[in-house]
Amino acid sequence: MRLCQKYFTIATAIFEVRCSMKKFFWLAVIILLLLTFSDHELLRPYRDQIYGLVLDSAPSSGKMSDEQALRQIQKQFNALAANWGEGQQLQLNKAAESKANLLLFHQRYCVSRDFNPILFGEPLQQSCGIIDSHMEALTRK
């Protein structure tokens, strides 16, 4: 009786592994087909979104690089300034153009507390908070 139960559980396990491997195989085939034909104009916007998600969420060496941090800051700035004025959006876009611009903006307006006639008060505090959350990745060498 026990031998039969053991055989039944092993057979069931093998069957389930086979089924899951088939599902994985077909998923891999579908992904490869999508990557092959992803340059088509109908699929290109979705491909770019997926690439962006992968680049943002999969750090290259376990820690976030400065390019990834800059990309994250740009995304967060765009989301934050969506309801702000055009001048404030331009100020944040200019600050997030490069790592040097971002570090200079942080030093002047977040650390030294210089007056910014375009960004001040709560918008400046929120912007500085976003930069502060990524400072480790930006200042790492």
N, C-alpha and C. Protein backbone atom coordinates (compact mmCIF):
# COMPACT_ATOMS: atom_id res chain seq x y z
N MET A 1 0.82 -1.18 0.00
CA MET A 1 0.00 0.00 0.00
C MET A 1 0.88 1.26 0.00
N ARG A 2 1.90 1.29 0.87
CA ARG A 2 2.77 2.46 0.91
C ARG A 2 3.53 2.63 -0.39
N LEU A 3 3.98 1.59 -0.97
CA LEU A 3 4.69 1.66 -2.23
C LEU A 3 3.79 2.28 -3.30
N CYS A 4 2.55 1.92 -3.31
CA CYS A 4 1.59 2.48 -4.27
C CYS A 4 1.38 3.97 -4.00
N GLN A 5 1.28 4.36 -2.74
CA GLN A 5 1.11 5.77 -2.40
C GLN A 5 2.35 6.57 -2.79
N LYS A 6 3.53 6.03 -2.54
CA LYS A 6 4.75 6.71 -2.93
C LYS A 6 4.80 6.90 -4.43
N TYR A 7 4.48 5.83 -5.17
CA TYR A 7 4.50 5.91 -6.62
C TYR A 7 3.50 6.94 -7.11
N PHE A 8 2.34 6.97 -6.47
CA PHE A 8 1.31 7.92 -6.88
C PHE A 8 1.76 9.36 -6.64
N THR A 9 2.39 9.62 -5.52
CA THR A 9 2.85 10.97 -5.23
C THR A 9 4.01 11.37 -6.14
N ILE A 10 4.90 10.45 -6.43
CA ILE A 10 6.01 10.76 -7.34
C ILE A 10 5.48 10.99 -8.75
N ALA A 11 4.55 10.15 -9.18
CA ALA A 11 3.97 10.32 -10.51
C ALA A 11 3.22 11.64 -10.61
N THR A 12 2.52 11.99 -9.57
CA THR A 12 1.80 13.26 -9.57
C THR A 12 2.79 14.43 -9.61
N ALA A 13 3.85 14.31 -8.85
CA ALA A 13 4.85 15.38 -8.84
C ALA A 13 5.49 15.54 -10.21
N ILE A 14 5.83 14.43 -10.84
CA ILE A 14 6.43 14.50 -12.18
C ILE A 14 5.45 15.11 -13.18
N PHE A 15 4.20 14.72 -13.07
CA PHE A 15 3.18 15.28 -13.97
C PHE A 15 3.06 16.80 -13.78
N GLU A 16 3.06 17.23 -12.55
CA GLU A 16 2.93 18.66 -12.29
C GLU A 16 4.16 19.43 -12.76
N VAL A 17 5.34 18.85 -12.61
CA VAL A 17 6.55 19.49 -13.11
C VAL A 17 6.49 19.60 -14.62
N ARG A 18 6.03 18.54 -15.28
CA ARG A 18 5.90 18.59 -16.73
C ARG A 18 4.94 19.68 -17.17
N CYS A 19 3.82 19.79 -16.49
CA CYS A 19 2.83 20.82 -16.85
C CYS A 19 3.40 22.22 -16.64
N SER A 20 4.08 22.41 -15.53
CA SER A 20 4.64 23.74 -15.28
C SER A 20 5.77 24.05 -16.27
N MET A 21 6.53 23.03 -16.66
CA MET A 21 7.59 23.26 -17.65
C MET A 21 6.99 23.60 -19.01
N LYS A 22 5.88 22.97 -19.35
CA LYS A 22 5.21 23.30 -20.61
C LYS A 22 4.73 24.74 -20.59
N LYS A 23 4.15 25.15 -19.47
CA LYS A 23 3.68 26.53 -19.36
C LYS A 23 4.85 27.50 -19.48
N PHE A 24 5.94 27.18 -18.81
CA PHE A 24 7.12 28.03 -18.88
C PHE A 24 7.66 28.09 -20.31
N PHE A 25 7.70 26.96 -20.98
CA PHE A 25 8.18 26.90 -22.36
C PHE A 25 7.33 27.79 -23.25
N TRP A 26 6.01 27.68 -23.15
CA TRP A 26 5.14 28.50 -24.00
C TRP A 26 5.25 29.98 -23.64
N LEU A 27 5.42 30.28 -22.38
CA LEU A 27 5.62 31.68 -21.98
C LEU A 27 6.91 32.22 -22.58
N ALA A 28 7.97 31.42 -22.54
CA ALA A 28 9.24 31.84 -23.14
C ALA A 28 9.10 32.03 -24.65
N VAL A 29 8.38 31.14 -25.31
CA VAL A 29 8.16 31.27 -26.76
C VAL A 29 7.39 32.56 -27.07
N ILE A 30 6.37 32.85 -26.30
CA ILE A 30 5.59 34.07 -26.53
C ILE A 30 6.45 35.31 -26.31
N ILE A 31 7.26 35.30 -25.25
CA ILE A 31 8.12 36.45 -24.99
C ILE A 31 9.13 36.63 -26.11
N LEU A 32 9.71 35.55 -26.59
CA LEU A 32 10.67 35.65 -27.69
C LEU A 32 10.00 36.15 -28.97
N LEU A 33 8.79 35.71 -29.23
CA LEU A 33 8.06 36.21 -30.40
C LEU A 33 7.78 37.71 -30.27
N LEU A 34 7.38 38.12 -29.08
CA LEU A 34 7.13 39.55 -28.87
C LEU A 34 8.40 40.37 -29.03
N LEU A 35 9.51 39.86 -28.53
CA LEU A 35 10.77 40.57 -28.69
C LEU A 35 11.19 40.62 -30.15
N THR A 36 10.90 39.56 -30.88
CA THR A 36 11.28 39.51 -32.29
C THR A 36 10.50 40.54 -33.10
N PHE A 37 9.22 40.64 -32.83
CA PHE A 37 8.37 41.54 -33.61
C PHE A 37 8.05 42.84 -32.86
N SER A 38 8.82 43.16 -31.84
CA SER A 38 8.51 44.33 -31.02
C SER A 38 8.85 45.64 -31.71
N ASP A 39 9.54 45.59 -32.82
CA ASP A 39 9.87 46.83 -33.52
C ASP A 39 8.71 47.32 -34.38
N HIS A 40 7.64 46.56 -34.42
CA HIS A 40 6.47 46.97 -35.18
C HIS A 40 5.84 48.19 -34.51
N GLU A 41 5.31 49.10 -35.30
CA GLU A 41 4.80 50.37 -34.76
C GLU A 41 3.66 50.19 -33.76
N LEU A 42 2.92 49.11 -33.85
CA LEU A 42 1.84 48.89 -32.88
C LEU A 42 2.36 48.41 -31.53
N LEU A 43 3.48 47.70 -31.54
CA LEU A 43 4.02 47.16 -30.31
C LEU A 43 5.10 48.03 -29.67
N ARG A 44 5.65 48.98 -30.41
CA ARG A 44 6.77 49.79 -29.94
C ARG A 44 6.48 50.55 -28.63
N PRO A 45 5.32 51.21 -28.48
CA PRO A 45 5.09 51.93 -27.20
C PRO A 45 5.06 50.99 -26.00
N TYR A 46 4.47 49.82 -26.17
CA TYR A 46 4.42 48.87 -25.07
C TYR A 46 5.80 48.32 -24.75
N ARG A 47 6.59 48.08 -25.78
CA ARG A 47 7.95 47.59 -25.59
C ARG A 47 8.77 48.61 -24.81
N ASP A 48 8.64 49.89 -25.17
CA ASP A 48 9.40 50.92 -24.47
C ASP A 48 8.99 51.02 -23.00
N GLN A 49 7.70 50.86 -22.73
CA GLN A 49 7.25 50.89 -21.34
C GLN A 49 7.82 49.71 -20.55
N ILE A 50 7.83 48.55 -21.16
CA ILE A 50 8.37 47.36 -20.48
C ILE A 50 9.86 47.52 -20.25
N TYR A 51 10.59 48.00 -21.26
CA TYR A 51 12.03 48.22 -21.09
C TYR A 51 12.29 49.22 -19.97
N GLY A 52 11.49 50.28 -19.91
CA GLY A 52 11.65 51.27 -18.85
C GLY A 52 11.43 50.66 -17.47
N LEU A 53 10.39 49.83 -17.35
CA LEU A 53 10.13 49.18 -16.07
C LEU A 53 11.27 48.24 -15.68
N VAL A 54 11.77 47.50 -16.65
CA VAL A 54 12.86 46.57 -16.36
C VAL A 54 14.12 47.33 -15.96
N LEU A 55 14.44 48.40 -16.69
CA LEU A 55 15.65 49.16 -16.37
C LEU A 55 15.54 49.84 -15.01
N ASP A 56 14.34 50.26 -14.64
CA ASP A 56 14.18 50.93 -13.35
C ASP A 56 14.16 49.97 -12.18
N SER A 57 13.60 48.79 -12.38
CA SER A 57 13.42 47.90 -11.25
C SER A 57 14.50 46.83 -11.13
N ALA A 58 15.33 46.65 -12.13
CA ALA A 58 16.37 45.63 -12.07
C ALA A 58 17.74 46.30 -12.04
N PRO A 59 18.26 46.58 -10.85
CA PRO A 59 19.58 47.21 -10.78
C PRO A 59 20.65 46.28 -11.32
N SER A 60 21.67 46.88 -11.91
CA SER A 60 22.69 46.09 -12.59
C SER A 60 23.59 45.33 -11.62
N SER A 61 23.96 45.90 -10.50
CA SER A 61 24.89 45.22 -9.60
C SER A 61 24.37 45.16 -8.17
N GLY A 62 23.08 45.08 -8.02
CA GLY A 62 22.52 44.97 -6.69
C GLY A 62 22.18 46.30 -6.07
N LYS A 63 22.86 47.35 -6.48
CA LYS A 63 22.56 48.68 -5.98
C LYS A 63 22.19 49.57 -7.17
N MET A 64 21.43 50.60 -6.89
CA MET A 64 20.98 51.49 -7.93
C MET A 64 22.14 52.35 -8.43
N SER A 65 22.30 52.40 -9.75
CA SER A 65 23.36 53.24 -10.32
C SER A 65 22.88 54.68 -10.38
N ASP A 66 23.81 55.58 -10.67
CA ASP A 66 23.42 56.99 -10.74
C ASP A 66 22.50 57.27 -11.93
N GLU A 67 22.64 56.52 -13.03
CA GLU A 67 21.74 56.70 -14.17
C GLU A 67 20.33 56.26 -13.81
N GLN A 68 20.23 55.16 -13.09
CA GLN A 68 18.91 54.69 -12.67
C GLN A 68 18.29 55.67 -11.68
N ALA A 69 19.10 56.20 -10.78
CA ALA A 69 18.59 57.17 -9.83
C ALA A 69 18.13 58.43 -10.55
N LEU A 70 18.88 58.88 -11.54
CA LEU A 70 18.50 60.06 -12.30
C LEU A 70 17.19 59.83 -13.04
N ARG A 71 17.04 58.64 -13.63
CA ARG A 71 15.80 58.30 -14.33
C ARG A 71 14.61 58.26 -13.36
N GLN A 72 14.82 57.70 -12.18
CA GLN A 72 13.76 57.65 -11.17
C GLN A 72 13.38 59.06 -10.72
N ILE A 73 14.37 59.90 -10.52
CA ILE A 73 14.09 61.29 -10.09
C ILE A 73 13.31 62.02 -11.17
N GLN A 74 13.69 61.83 -12.43
CA GLN A 74 12.96 62.48 -13.53
C GLN A 74 11.51 62.03 -13.55
N LYS A 75 11.28 60.74 -13.36
CA LYS A 75 9.90 60.22 -13.34
C LYS A 75 9.13 60.82 -12.18
N GLN A 76 9.75 60.84 -11.01
CA GLN A 76 9.06 61.37 -9.83
C GLN A 76 8.81 62.87 -9.96
N PHE A 77 9.76 63.59 -10.55
CA PHE A 77 9.55 65.02 -10.79
C PHE A 77 8.39 65.25 -11.75
N ASN A 78 8.32 64.46 -12.81
CA ASN A 78 7.22 64.62 -13.77
C ASN A 78 5.87 64.34 -13.12
N ALA A 79 5.81 63.32 -12.29
CA ALA A 79 4.56 63.00 -11.60
C ALA A 79 4.21 64.09 -10.59
N LEU A 80 5.22 64.60 -9.90
CA LEU A 80 4.99 65.62 -8.88
C LEU A 80 4.54 66.94 -9.49
N ALA A 81 5.16 67.32 -10.60
CA ALA A 81 4.89 68.63 -11.20
C ALA A 81 3.77 68.60 -12.23
N ALA A 82 3.03 67.52 -12.31
CA ALA A 82 1.97 67.42 -13.32
C ALA A 82 0.91 68.51 -13.14
N ASN A 83 0.64 68.92 -11.92
CA ASN A 83 -0.38 69.94 -11.67
C ASN A 83 0.22 71.31 -11.37
N TRP A 84 1.52 71.45 -11.52
CA TRP A 84 2.18 72.72 -11.25
C TRP A 84 2.23 73.55 -12.52
N GLY A 85 2.75 74.75 -12.37
CA GLY A 85 2.88 75.66 -13.51
C GLY A 85 4.00 75.25 -14.45
N GLU A 86 3.97 75.86 -15.62
CA GLU A 86 4.97 75.53 -16.64
C GLU A 86 6.37 75.92 -16.21
N GLY A 87 6.52 77.06 -15.55
CA GLY A 87 7.83 77.49 -15.08
C GLY A 87 8.42 76.53 -14.07
N GLN A 88 7.59 76.03 -13.16
CA GLN A 88 8.07 75.07 -12.17
C GLN A 88 8.47 73.75 -12.83
N GLN A 89 7.69 73.32 -13.82
CA GLN A 89 8.03 72.09 -14.53
C GLN A 89 9.35 72.25 -15.28
N LEU A 90 9.54 73.39 -15.92
CA LEU A 90 10.80 73.63 -16.64
C LEU A 90 11.98 73.66 -15.69
N GLN A 91 11.79 74.26 -14.52
CA GLN A 91 12.86 74.32 -13.51
C GLN A 91 13.27 72.92 -13.08
N LEU A 92 12.29 72.05 -12.83
CA LEU A 92 12.61 70.69 -12.41
C LEU A 92 13.22 69.88 -13.54
N ASN A 93 12.73 70.07 -14.77
CA ASN A 93 13.31 69.35 -15.91
C ASN A 93 14.75 69.76 -16.14
N LYS A 94 15.02 71.07 -15.99
CA LYS A 94 16.39 71.55 -16.15
C LYS A 94 17.30 71.00 -15.05
N ALA A 95 16.77 70.92 -13.83
CA ALA A 95 17.57 70.40 -12.72
C ALA A 95 17.86 68.91 -12.90
N ALA A 96 16.94 68.17 -13.51
CA ALA A 96 17.11 66.72 -13.65
C ALA A 96 17.71 66.31 -14.99
N GLU A 97 18.26 67.26 -15.74
CA GLU A 97 18.87 66.93 -17.03
C GLU A 97 20.11 66.06 -16.87
N SER A 98 20.91 66.36 -15.86
CA SER A 98 22.14 65.60 -15.65
C SER A 98 22.40 65.47 -14.16
N LYS A 99 23.34 64.60 -13.86
CA LYS A 99 23.72 64.39 -12.46
C LYS A 99 24.33 65.65 -11.87
N ALA A 100 25.15 66.34 -12.66
CA ALA A 100 25.80 67.57 -12.17
C ALA A 100 24.76 68.65 -11.86
N ASN A 101 23.78 68.81 -12.76
CA ASN A 101 22.73 69.80 -12.53
C ASN A 101 21.93 69.46 -11.28
N LEU A 102 21.65 68.19 -11.10
CA LEU A 102 20.86 67.76 -9.96
C LEU A 102 21.61 67.99 -8.65
N LEU A 103 22.90 67.66 -8.63
CA LEU A 103 23.69 67.89 -7.42
C LEU A 103 23.84 69.38 -7.12
N LEU A 104 23.98 70.19 -8.16
CA LEU A 104 24.06 71.63 -7.97
C LEU A 104 22.74 72.18 -7.43
N PHE A 105 21.62 71.74 -8.00
CA PHE A 105 20.29 72.15 -7.52
C PHE A 105 20.13 71.76 -6.05
N HIS A 106 20.52 70.54 -5.71
CA HIS A 106 20.39 70.07 -4.33
C HIS A 106 21.25 70.91 -3.39
N GLN A 107 22.46 71.19 -3.79
CA GLN A 107 23.35 71.97 -2.93
C GLN A 107 22.81 73.39 -2.72
N ARG A 108 22.38 74.01 -3.80
CA ARG A 108 21.94 75.41 -3.70
C ARG A 108 20.62 75.57 -2.96
N TYR A 109 19.62 74.76 -3.33
CA TYR A 109 18.27 75.02 -2.83
C TYR A 109 17.85 74.12 -1.67
N CYS A 110 18.46 72.96 -1.53
CA CYS A 110 18.07 72.06 -0.45
C CYS A 110 19.01 72.16 0.75
N VAL A 111 20.31 72.28 0.48
CA VAL A 111 21.28 72.32 1.57
C VAL A 111 21.53 73.77 2.01
N SER A 112 21.89 74.64 1.07
CA SER A 112 22.19 76.03 1.40
C SER A 112 20.95 76.88 1.60
N ARG A 113 19.81 76.38 1.18
CA ARG A 113 18.52 77.07 1.33
C ARG A 113 18.48 78.42 0.63
N ASP A 114 19.13 78.51 -0.55
CA ASP A 114 19.02 79.73 -1.35
C ASP A 114 17.57 79.90 -1.79
N PHE A 115 17.17 81.14 -2.03
CA PHE A 115 15.80 81.40 -2.46
C PHE A 115 15.66 81.11 -3.94
N ASN A 116 14.68 80.32 -4.28
CA ASN A 116 14.36 80.02 -5.67
C ASN A 116 13.02 80.70 -5.97
N PRO A 117 13.02 81.71 -6.86
CA PRO A 117 11.78 82.44 -7.10
C PRO A 117 10.72 81.62 -7.83
N ILE A 118 11.11 80.52 -8.44
CA ILE A 118 10.15 79.71 -9.17
C ILE A 118 9.63 78.57 -8.31
N LEU A 119 10.53 77.90 -7.62
CA LEU A 119 10.16 76.81 -6.71
C LEU A 119 10.45 77.26 -5.28
N PHE A 120 9.43 77.35 -4.49
CA PHE A 120 9.62 77.71 -3.08
C PHE A 120 8.49 77.08 -2.28
N GLY A 121 8.70 77.00 -0.99
CA GLY A 121 7.69 76.43 -0.12
C GLY A 121 7.56 74.92 -0.28
N GLU A 122 6.32 74.47 -0.30
CA GLU A 122 6.02 73.04 -0.37
C GLU A 122 6.57 72.37 -1.63
N PRO A 123 6.44 72.97 -2.83
CA PRO A 123 7.02 72.33 -4.02
C PRO A 123 8.53 72.09 -3.90
N LEU A 124 9.25 73.06 -3.33
CA LEU A 124 10.69 72.90 -3.16
C LEU A 124 11.00 71.81 -2.15
N GLN A 125 10.23 71.76 -1.07
CA GLN A 125 10.45 70.72 -0.06
C GLN A 125 10.20 69.32 -0.63
N GLN A 126 9.15 69.19 -1.43
CA GLN A 126 8.85 67.89 -2.04
C GLN A 126 9.95 67.51 -3.03
N SER A 127 10.43 68.46 -3.80
CA SER A 127 11.51 68.20 -4.76
C SER A 127 12.78 67.78 -4.03
N CYS A 128 13.10 68.49 -2.95
CA CYS A 128 14.29 68.13 -2.17
C CYS A 128 14.14 66.76 -1.53
N GLY A 129 12.94 66.41 -1.11
CA GLY A 129 12.69 65.09 -0.54
C GLY A 129 12.95 63.98 -1.54
N ILE A 130 12.54 64.21 -2.80
CA ILE A 130 12.78 63.22 -3.85
C ILE A 130 14.28 63.07 -4.09
N ILE A 131 14.99 64.18 -4.16
CA ILE A 131 16.43 64.11 -4.39
C ILE A 131 17.13 63.45 -3.21
N ASP A 132 16.73 63.80 -2.00
CA ASP A 132 17.34 63.23 -0.79
C ASP A 132 17.18 61.71 -0.76
N SER A 133 16.05 61.21 -1.24
CA SER A 133 15.83 59.77 -1.20
C SER A 133 16.75 59.01 -2.15
N HIS A 134 17.36 59.71 -3.12
CA HIS A 134 18.25 59.07 -4.09
C HIS A 134 19.70 59.56 -3.97
N MET A 135 20.02 60.31 -2.93
CA MET A 135 21.36 60.89 -2.80
C MET A 135 22.45 59.83 -2.67
N GLU A 136 22.16 58.72 -2.02
CA GLU A 136 23.18 57.68 -1.85
C GLU A 136 23.65 57.15 -3.22
N ALA A 137 22.68 56.92 -4.11
CA ALA A 137 23.03 56.42 -5.44
C ALA A 137 23.72 57.50 -6.28
N LEU A 138 23.35 58.75 -6.08
CA LEU A 138 23.94 59.83 -6.86
C LEU A 138 25.37 60.15 -6.44
N THR A 139 25.68 60.00 -5.16
CA THR A 139 27.00 60.37 -4.67
C THR A 139 27.97 59.19 -4.58
N ARG A 140 27.49 57.98 -4.84
CA ARG A 140 28.37 56.81 -4.80
C ARG A 140 29.31 56.86 -5.99
N LYS A 141 30.56 56.44 -5.78
CA LYS A 141 31.52 56.46 -6.87
C LYS A 141 31.76 55.09 -7.41
